[in-house]
Amino acid sequence: MKRNIYLDFAYFIVLAATFGAVLVLGAIVAPVVFHTDKITVNLLIDHYNAGIIMGEIFHKFSYWTYFVAAFVAIYESMAYKMGQRDAISFAAAVTVIFSSLMFSAVYVPKILSMQALGAEATQSDTFENIHIASEIDFKLLALALLVLFVRRLMILRVPSK
């Protein structure tokens, strides 16, 4: 089977864009949304409403992570079929797929459903544990995306035999 350079390029763009989005959402958007009191005087958003805003942002981002999980699964399956078997890229791809699906199908819906119950539900230990787990999952996703990007780039640079 012949390599498709455009598919490879698209794959790298998707991985890099997703990594960038994860970083921006986690390191820039969330701190700004949750700390409006440090930015402006007239517009103060309480913690619960800031969480509602972030929940909606993550809900919309979860559609992208579904796409990423599917794209990684398809691309890596094709690479495997072409004989590009590598333990590191396989482990990173499985982690990307798993953490993307956990984020989109488990954490975001659970957080949104608890937010819909009101501010009291978001102050529970259950909510806090789900939120911490989702943060860990998001960091794991970022790391796996970076590893997968670098490893696939290394494999691509090695001339095929």
N, C-alpha and C. Protein backbone atom coordinates (compact mmCIF):
# COMPACT_ATOMS: atom_id res chain seq x y z
N MET A 1 0.83 -1.17 0.00
CA MET A 1 0.00 0.00 0.00
C MET A 1 0.88 1.25 0.00
N LYS A 2 0.54 2.19 -0.80
CA LYS A 2 1.33 3.41 -0.94
C LYS A 2 0.93 4.43 0.14
N ARG A 3 1.91 5.15 0.66
CA ARG A 3 1.67 6.20 1.65
C ARG A 3 0.94 7.38 1.00
N ASN A 4 0.06 7.96 1.74
CA ASN A 4 -0.63 9.15 1.29
C ASN A 4 -0.11 10.32 2.11
N ILE A 5 0.73 11.14 1.51
CA ILE A 5 1.36 12.24 2.22
C ILE A 5 0.33 13.24 2.74
N TYR A 6 -0.78 13.40 2.03
CA TYR A 6 -1.82 14.33 2.47
C TYR A 6 -2.53 13.82 3.72
N LEU A 7 -2.73 12.52 3.80
CA LEU A 7 -3.33 11.93 4.99
C LEU A 7 -2.38 12.07 6.18
N ASP A 8 -1.09 11.82 5.95
CA ASP A 8 -0.10 11.99 7.01
C ASP A 8 -0.09 13.44 7.50
N PHE A 9 -0.09 14.37 6.55
CA PHE A 9 -0.08 15.78 6.89
C PHE A 9 -1.33 16.15 7.70
N ALA A 10 -2.50 15.69 7.26
CA ALA A 10 -3.75 15.96 7.98
C ALA A 10 -3.70 15.38 9.39
N TYR A 11 -3.13 14.20 9.52
CA TYR A 11 -3.01 13.55 10.83
C TYR A 11 -2.16 14.39 11.77
N PHE A 12 -1.04 14.86 11.29
CA PHE A 12 -0.17 15.69 12.12
C PHE A 12 -0.84 17.02 12.49
N ILE A 13 -1.56 17.58 11.55
CA ILE A 13 -2.28 18.84 11.83
C ILE A 13 -3.35 18.61 12.91
N VAL A 14 -4.10 17.53 12.80
CA VAL A 14 -5.14 17.22 13.78
C VAL A 14 -4.53 16.98 15.15
N LEU A 15 -3.45 16.22 15.22
CA LEU A 15 -2.79 15.97 16.51
C LEU A 15 -2.28 17.27 17.12
N ALA A 16 -1.60 18.08 16.31
CA ALA A 16 -1.04 19.34 16.81
C ALA A 16 -2.14 20.31 17.22
N ALA A 17 -3.18 20.41 16.42
CA ALA A 17 -4.28 21.32 16.74
C ALA A 17 -4.98 20.90 18.03
N THR A 18 -5.16 19.62 18.19
CA THR A 18 -5.81 19.12 19.40
C THR A 18 -4.95 19.36 20.62
N PHE A 19 -3.65 19.11 20.49
CA PHE A 19 -2.72 19.39 21.59
C PHE A 19 -2.77 20.87 21.95
N GLY A 20 -2.76 21.73 20.95
CA GLY A 20 -2.84 23.16 21.19
C GLY A 20 -4.15 23.55 21.86
N ALA A 21 -5.25 22.95 21.42
CA ALA A 21 -6.55 23.26 22.02
C ALA A 21 -6.61 22.83 23.48
N VAL A 22 -6.07 21.65 23.77
CA VAL A 22 -6.04 21.16 25.15
C VAL A 22 -5.24 22.12 26.02
N LEU A 23 -4.08 22.55 25.53
CA LEU A 23 -3.27 23.49 26.29
C LEU A 23 -3.98 24.83 26.49
N VAL A 24 -4.56 25.35 25.44
CA VAL A 24 -5.24 26.65 25.54
C VAL A 24 -6.44 26.57 26.48
N LEU A 25 -7.24 25.52 26.36
CA LEU A 25 -8.41 25.39 27.22
C LEU A 25 -8.00 25.23 28.69
N GLY A 26 -7.01 24.39 28.93
CA GLY A 26 -6.60 24.12 30.30
C GLY A 26 -5.77 25.21 30.95
N ALA A 27 -4.88 25.82 30.19
CA ALA A 27 -3.94 26.77 30.77
C ALA A 27 -4.34 28.23 30.60
N ILE A 28 -5.21 28.53 29.66
CA ILE A 28 -5.57 29.93 29.40
C ILE A 28 -7.05 30.19 29.65
N VAL A 29 -7.91 29.44 28.99
CA VAL A 29 -9.35 29.71 29.08
C VAL A 29 -9.89 29.48 30.49
N ALA A 30 -9.60 28.33 31.07
CA ALA A 30 -10.15 28.02 32.40
C ALA A 30 -9.71 29.03 33.46
N PRO A 31 -8.43 29.38 33.55
CA PRO A 31 -8.05 30.38 34.56
C PRO A 31 -8.70 31.74 34.34
N VAL A 32 -8.88 32.14 33.09
CA VAL A 32 -9.53 33.43 32.82
C VAL A 32 -11.00 33.39 33.23
N VAL A 33 -11.69 32.33 32.84
CA VAL A 33 -13.12 32.22 33.16
C VAL A 33 -13.35 32.15 34.67
N PHE A 34 -12.51 31.40 35.37
CA PHE A 34 -12.71 31.23 36.81
C PHE A 34 -12.17 32.38 37.65
N HIS A 35 -11.43 33.30 37.05
CA HIS A 35 -10.87 34.42 37.81
C HIS A 35 -11.21 35.76 37.17
N THR A 36 -12.49 35.94 36.85
CA THR A 36 -12.90 37.22 36.27
C THR A 36 -12.75 38.36 37.25
N ASP A 37 -12.75 38.05 38.54
CA ASP A 37 -12.60 39.10 39.55
C ASP A 37 -11.24 39.79 39.47
N LYS A 38 -10.24 39.11 38.94
CA LYS A 38 -8.90 39.70 38.81
C LYS A 38 -8.74 40.50 37.52
N ILE A 39 -9.70 40.34 36.61
CA ILE A 39 -9.59 40.98 35.30
C ILE A 39 -10.44 42.24 35.22
N THR A 40 -11.66 42.14 35.71
CA THR A 40 -12.59 43.26 35.57
C THR A 40 -13.29 43.53 36.90
N VAL A 41 -13.74 44.74 37.06
CA VAL A 41 -14.43 45.12 38.28
C VAL A 41 -15.94 45.02 38.09
N ASN A 42 -16.43 45.37 36.93
CA ASN A 42 -17.86 45.44 36.69
C ASN A 42 -18.51 44.09 36.40
N LEU A 43 -17.76 43.16 35.87
CA LEU A 43 -18.32 41.86 35.49
C LEU A 43 -17.75 40.77 36.39
N LEU A 44 -18.48 40.45 37.44
CA LEU A 44 -18.06 39.39 38.35
C LEU A 44 -18.94 38.17 38.13
N ILE A 45 -18.31 37.07 37.87
CA ILE A 45 -19.03 35.81 37.66
C ILE A 45 -18.69 34.90 38.83
N ASP A 46 -19.72 34.41 39.51
CA ASP A 46 -19.44 33.51 40.63
C ASP A 46 -18.91 32.17 40.11
N HIS A 47 -18.38 31.38 41.01
CA HIS A 47 -17.72 30.12 40.64
C HIS A 47 -18.67 29.16 39.93
N TYR A 48 -19.91 29.09 40.38
CA TYR A 48 -20.89 28.20 39.77
C TYR A 48 -21.16 28.59 38.31
N ASN A 49 -21.39 29.87 38.06
CA ASN A 49 -21.67 30.32 36.69
C ASN A 49 -20.43 30.23 35.80
N ALA A 50 -19.25 30.43 36.38
CA ALA A 50 -18.01 30.22 35.62
C ALA A 50 -17.91 28.75 35.21
N GLY A 51 -18.32 27.87 36.11
CA GLY A 51 -18.33 26.43 35.79
C GLY A 51 -19.31 26.10 34.68
N ILE A 52 -20.44 26.78 34.67
CA ILE A 52 -21.43 26.58 33.60
C ILE A 52 -20.82 26.99 32.25
N ILE A 53 -20.13 28.12 32.24
CA ILE A 53 -19.48 28.58 31.00
C ILE A 53 -18.42 27.58 30.55
N MET A 54 -17.56 27.14 31.47
CA MET A 54 -16.53 26.17 31.11
C MET A 54 -17.15 24.85 30.67
N GLY A 55 -18.23 24.47 31.31
CA GLY A 55 -18.92 23.23 30.92
C GLY A 55 -19.40 23.30 29.48
N GLU A 56 -19.93 24.44 29.09
CA GLU A 56 -20.40 24.60 27.71
C GLU A 56 -19.23 24.59 26.73
N ILE A 57 -18.13 25.21 27.12
CA ILE A 57 -16.93 25.20 26.26
C ILE A 57 -16.44 23.77 26.08
N PHE A 58 -16.35 23.03 27.18
CA PHE A 58 -15.89 21.64 27.09
C PHE A 58 -16.90 20.75 26.37
N HIS A 59 -18.18 21.05 26.51
CA HIS A 59 -19.20 20.29 25.78
C HIS A 59 -18.99 20.43 24.28
N LYS A 60 -18.75 21.64 23.83
CA LYS A 60 -18.51 21.87 22.40
C LYS A 60 -17.19 21.24 21.97
N PHE A 61 -16.18 21.31 22.82
CA PHE A 61 -14.89 20.70 22.49
C PHE A 61 -14.99 19.17 22.43
N SER A 62 -15.92 18.61 23.17
CA SER A 62 -16.05 17.15 23.17
C SER A 62 -16.43 16.60 21.80
N TYR A 63 -17.12 17.39 20.98
CA TYR A 63 -17.40 16.94 19.61
C TYR A 63 -16.10 16.76 18.84
N TRP A 64 -15.18 17.68 19.04
CA TRP A 64 -13.88 17.58 18.38
C TRP A 64 -13.13 16.34 18.88
N THR A 65 -13.19 16.06 20.18
CA THR A 65 -12.45 14.91 20.69
C THR A 65 -13.04 13.59 20.20
N TYR A 66 -14.36 13.56 19.94
CA TYR A 66 -14.92 12.37 19.30
C TYR A 66 -14.30 12.17 17.91
N PHE A 67 -14.21 13.25 17.17
CA PHE A 67 -13.60 13.19 15.85
C PHE A 67 -12.15 12.74 15.94
N VAL A 68 -11.40 13.29 16.87
CA VAL A 68 -9.99 12.93 17.04
C VAL A 68 -9.85 11.45 17.36
N ALA A 69 -10.68 10.95 18.27
CA ALA A 69 -10.62 9.53 18.63
C ALA A 69 -10.86 8.65 17.40
N ALA A 70 -11.84 9.00 16.60
CA ALA A 70 -12.13 8.22 15.39
C ALA A 70 -10.99 8.33 14.38
N PHE A 71 -10.48 9.53 14.17
CA PHE A 71 -9.41 9.74 13.20
C PHE A 71 -8.15 8.99 13.60
N VAL A 72 -7.80 9.05 14.88
CA VAL A 72 -6.62 8.33 15.37
C VAL A 72 -6.82 6.83 15.20
N ALA A 73 -8.00 6.33 15.52
CA ALA A 73 -8.26 4.90 15.38
C ALA A 73 -8.14 4.46 13.93
N ILE A 74 -8.69 5.23 13.01
CA ILE A 74 -8.63 4.87 11.58
C ILE A 74 -7.20 4.97 11.06
N TYR A 75 -6.52 6.07 11.35
CA TYR A 75 -5.16 6.26 10.86
C TYR A 75 -4.23 5.19 11.40
N GLU A 76 -4.30 4.93 12.70
CA GLU A 76 -3.41 3.94 13.30
C GLU A 76 -3.73 2.53 12.81
N SER A 77 -4.98 2.25 12.54
CA SER A 77 -5.34 0.94 11.96
C SER A 77 -4.73 0.79 10.57
N MET A 78 -4.80 1.87 9.78
CA MET A 78 -4.21 1.83 8.44
C MET A 78 -2.68 1.69 8.53
N ALA A 79 -2.07 2.40 9.47
CA ALA A 79 -0.62 2.30 9.65
C ALA A 79 -0.23 0.89 10.07
N TYR A 80 -1.01 0.29 10.94
CA TYR A 80 -0.75 -1.08 11.38
C TYR A 80 -0.84 -2.04 10.20
N LYS A 81 -1.86 -1.84 9.37
CA LYS A 81 -2.06 -2.70 8.20
C LYS A 81 -0.90 -2.57 7.22
N MET A 82 -0.31 -1.35 7.15
CA MET A 82 0.81 -1.12 6.24
C MET A 82 2.14 -1.59 6.84
N GLY A 83 2.10 -2.16 8.03
CA GLY A 83 3.32 -2.68 8.65
C GLY A 83 4.08 -1.69 9.50
N GLN A 84 3.49 -0.56 9.76
CA GLN A 84 4.14 0.45 10.62
C GLN A 84 3.74 0.20 12.07
N ARG A 85 4.24 -0.92 12.60
CA ARG A 85 3.89 -1.29 13.96
C ARG A 85 4.96 -0.77 14.92
N ASP A 86 4.50 -0.07 15.92
CA ASP A 86 5.42 0.51 16.89
C ASP A 86 4.72 0.54 18.25
N ALA A 87 5.38 0.02 19.26
CA ALA A 87 4.77 -0.09 20.58
C ALA A 87 4.47 1.27 21.19
N ILE A 88 5.35 2.23 21.01
CA ILE A 88 5.16 3.56 21.62
C ILE A 88 3.98 4.28 20.96
N SER A 89 3.94 4.28 19.63
CA SER A 89 2.83 4.96 18.96
C SER A 89 1.51 4.23 19.22
N PHE A 90 1.56 2.91 19.33
CA PHE A 90 0.35 2.15 19.64
C PHE A 90 -0.18 2.53 21.02
N ALA A 91 0.71 2.54 22.01
CA ALA A 91 0.30 2.89 23.38
C ALA A 91 -0.22 4.33 23.44
N ALA A 92 0.46 5.24 22.76
CA ALA A 92 0.02 6.64 22.76
C ALA A 92 -1.32 6.78 22.05
N ALA A 93 -1.52 6.07 20.95
CA ALA A 93 -2.78 6.14 20.21
C ALA A 93 -3.93 5.59 21.05
N VAL A 94 -3.70 4.47 21.71
CA VAL A 94 -4.74 3.89 22.58
C VAL A 94 -5.07 4.87 23.71
N THR A 95 -4.05 5.51 24.25
CA THR A 95 -4.27 6.49 25.32
C THR A 95 -5.05 7.70 24.80
N VAL A 96 -4.72 8.17 23.61
CA VAL A 96 -5.46 9.30 23.02
C VAL A 96 -6.92 8.91 22.82
N ILE A 97 -7.16 7.75 22.26
CA ILE A 97 -8.54 7.30 22.01
C ILE A 97 -9.29 7.15 23.33
N PHE A 98 -8.67 6.46 24.28
CA PHE A 98 -9.32 6.21 25.57
C PHE A 98 -9.60 7.51 26.32
N SER A 99 -8.61 8.38 26.42
CA SER A 99 -8.81 9.61 27.18
C SER A 99 -9.77 10.57 26.47
N SER A 100 -9.76 10.58 25.13
CA SER A 100 -10.72 11.40 24.40
C SER A 100 -12.15 10.93 24.66
N LEU A 101 -12.35 9.62 24.61
CA LEU A 101 -13.69 9.08 24.83
C LEU A 101 -14.12 9.22 26.29
N MET A 102 -13.20 9.07 27.22
CA MET A 102 -13.52 9.29 28.62
C MET A 102 -13.94 10.74 28.85
N PHE A 103 -13.20 11.66 28.27
CA PHE A 103 -13.52 13.07 28.41
C PHE A 103 -14.90 13.37 27.82
N SER A 104 -15.12 12.93 26.59
CA SER A 104 -16.34 13.28 25.85
C SER A 104 -17.58 12.52 26.31
N ALA A 105 -17.41 11.25 26.60
CA ALA A 105 -18.57 10.40 26.87
C ALA A 105 -18.84 10.19 28.35
N VAL A 106 -17.86 10.49 29.21
CA VAL A 106 -18.06 10.24 30.63
C VAL A 106 -17.99 11.53 31.45
N TYR A 107 -16.84 12.19 31.42
CA TYR A 107 -16.65 13.33 32.33
C TYR A 107 -17.53 14.54 31.99
N VAL A 108 -17.53 14.95 30.74
CA VAL A 108 -18.33 16.13 30.37
C VAL A 108 -19.81 15.91 30.65
N PRO A 109 -20.40 14.78 30.22
CA PRO A 109 -21.83 14.58 30.53
C PRO A 109 -22.12 14.51 32.03
N LYS A 110 -21.24 13.87 32.81
CA LYS A 110 -21.47 13.79 34.26
C LYS A 110 -21.40 15.17 34.90
N ILE A 111 -20.40 15.94 34.50
CA ILE A 111 -20.25 17.28 35.06
C ILE A 111 -21.44 18.15 34.68
N LEU A 112 -21.85 18.10 33.42
CA LEU A 112 -23.00 18.90 32.98
C LEU A 112 -24.29 18.49 33.70
N SER A 113 -24.47 17.20 33.91
CA SER A 113 -25.69 16.75 34.59
C SER A 113 -25.70 17.17 36.05
N MET A 114 -24.54 17.18 36.68
CA MET A 114 -24.47 17.64 38.07
C MET A 114 -24.66 19.15 38.15
N GLN A 115 -24.14 19.88 37.17
CA GLN A 115 -24.35 21.32 37.15
C GLN A 115 -25.82 21.65 36.97
N ALA A 116 -26.52 20.84 36.21
CA ALA A 116 -27.95 21.07 35.99
C ALA A 116 -28.77 20.90 37.26
N LEU A 117 -28.21 20.18 38.23
CA LEU A 117 -28.91 20.00 39.51
C LEU A 117 -28.80 21.23 40.41
N GLY A 118 -27.88 22.13 40.07
CA GLY A 118 -27.74 23.35 40.86
C GLY A 118 -26.38 23.47 41.52
N ALA A 119 -26.18 24.63 42.13
CA ALA A 119 -24.89 24.94 42.75
C ALA A 119 -24.54 23.98 43.88
N GLU A 120 -25.54 23.50 44.59
CA GLU A 120 -25.27 22.59 45.72
C GLU A 120 -24.62 21.30 45.24
N ALA A 121 -25.06 20.79 44.12
CA ALA A 121 -24.51 19.53 43.58
C ALA A 121 -23.05 19.69 43.17
N THR A 122 -22.67 20.90 42.76
CA THR A 122 -21.29 21.11 42.34
C THR A 122 -20.34 21.32 43.52
N GLN A 123 -20.89 21.37 44.70
CA GLN A 123 -20.06 21.52 45.89
C GLN A 123 -19.88 20.20 46.63
N SER A 124 -20.35 19.13 46.04
CA SER A 124 -20.26 17.81 46.68
C SER A 124 -18.90 17.17 46.42
N ASP A 125 -18.58 16.18 47.23
CA ASP A 125 -17.33 15.43 47.05
C ASP A 125 -17.36 14.65 45.73
N THR A 126 -18.52 14.16 45.36
CA THR A 126 -18.65 13.42 44.10
C THR A 126 -18.28 14.31 42.92
N PHE A 127 -18.81 15.51 42.90
CA PHE A 127 -18.49 16.44 41.82
C PHE A 127 -17.00 16.76 41.82
N GLU A 128 -16.45 17.01 42.98
CA GLU A 128 -15.02 17.33 43.09
C GLU A 128 -14.16 16.19 42.56
N ASN A 129 -14.52 14.96 42.91
CA ASN A 129 -13.76 13.79 42.43
C ASN A 129 -13.86 13.63 40.92
N ILE A 130 -15.05 13.83 40.37
CA ILE A 130 -15.23 13.74 38.91
C ILE A 130 -14.43 14.84 38.22
N HIS A 131 -14.46 16.02 38.80
CA HIS A 131 -13.73 17.15 38.22
C HIS A 131 -12.22 16.90 38.24
N ILE A 132 -11.70 16.41 39.35
CA ILE A 132 -10.26 16.10 39.45
C ILE A 132 -9.89 15.01 38.44
N ALA A 133 -10.73 13.98 38.34
CA ALA A 133 -10.46 12.91 37.38
C ALA A 133 -10.46 13.44 35.95
N SER A 134 -11.37 14.37 35.65
CA SER A 134 -11.42 14.94 34.29
C SER A 134 -10.18 15.78 34.01
N GLU A 135 -9.67 16.48 35.01
CA GLU A 135 -8.44 17.25 34.83
C GLU A 135 -7.25 16.33 34.57
N ILE A 136 -7.18 15.23 35.31
CA ILE A 136 -6.10 14.26 35.09
C ILE A 136 -6.22 13.67 33.69
N ASP A 137 -7.43 13.33 33.30
CA ASP A 137 -7.67 12.78 31.97
C ASP A 137 -7.25 13.77 30.88
N PHE A 138 -7.54 15.04 31.08
CA PHE A 138 -7.19 16.08 30.10
C PHE A 138 -5.67 16.21 29.98
N LYS A 139 -4.97 16.13 31.11
CA LYS A 139 -3.50 16.19 31.10
C LYS A 139 -2.92 14.95 30.43
N LEU A 140 -3.52 13.80 30.70
CA LEU A 140 -3.09 12.57 30.05
C LEU A 140 -3.30 12.64 28.55
N LEU A 141 -4.41 13.23 28.12
CA LEU A 141 -4.68 13.42 26.70
C LEU A 141 -3.60 14.29 26.06
N ALA A 142 -3.25 15.39 26.72
CA ALA A 142 -2.20 16.27 26.19
C ALA A 142 -0.88 15.54 26.04
N LEU A 143 -0.50 14.80 27.06
CA LEU A 143 0.76 14.06 27.01
C LEU A 143 0.75 13.00 25.91
N ALA A 144 -0.35 12.26 25.81
CA ALA A 144 -0.46 11.21 24.79
C ALA A 144 -0.44 11.80 23.38
N LEU A 145 -1.10 12.95 23.19
CA LEU A 145 -1.07 13.61 21.87
C LEU A 145 0.35 14.01 21.51
N LEU A 146 1.08 14.55 22.46
CA LEU A 146 2.46 14.97 22.20
C LEU A 146 3.35 13.78 21.87
N VAL A 147 3.22 12.72 22.64
CA VAL A 147 4.02 11.51 22.39
C VAL A 147 3.67 10.92 21.03
N LEU A 148 2.39 10.83 20.73
CA LEU A 148 1.96 10.26 19.44
C LEU A 148 2.47 11.10 18.28
N PHE A 149 2.37 12.42 18.39
CA PHE A 149 2.86 13.31 17.34
C PHE A 149 4.35 13.12 17.10
N VAL A 150 5.14 13.15 18.17
CA VAL A 150 6.59 13.04 18.04
C VAL A 150 6.98 11.65 17.52
N ARG A 151 6.36 10.62 18.06
CA ARG A 151 6.73 9.26 17.63
C ARG A 151 6.34 9.00 16.17
N ARG A 152 5.16 9.42 15.77
CA ARG A 152 4.77 9.23 14.36
C ARG A 152 5.67 10.04 13.43
N LEU A 153 6.08 11.21 13.86
CA LEU A 153 7.00 12.01 13.07
C LEU A 153 8.35 11.31 12.94
N MET A 154 8.82 10.70 14.02
CA MET A 154 10.08 9.96 13.98
C MET A 154 9.97 8.76 13.03
N ILE A 155 8.86 8.05 13.10
CA ILE A 155 8.65 6.89 12.23
C ILE A 155 8.57 7.31 10.77
N LEU A 156 7.90 8.44 10.52
CA LEU A 156 7.75 8.94 9.16
C LEU A 156 9.10 9.32 8.55
N ARG A 157 10.00 9.82 9.38
CA ARG A 157 11.31 10.27 8.90
C ARG A 157 12.24 9.12 8.59
N VAL A 158 11.99 7.95 9.15
CA VAL A 158 12.84 6.78 8.89
C VAL A 158 12.47 6.25 7.51
N PRO A 159 13.46 6.13 6.61
CA PRO A 159 13.14 5.60 5.27
C PRO A 159 12.63 4.18 5.37
N SER A 160 11.59 3.87 4.62
CA SER A 160 11.05 2.51 4.63
C SER A 160 11.95 1.58 3.85
N LYS A 161 11.96 0.34 4.28
CA LYS A 161 12.85 -0.67 3.68
C LYS A 161 12.26 -1.27 2.45
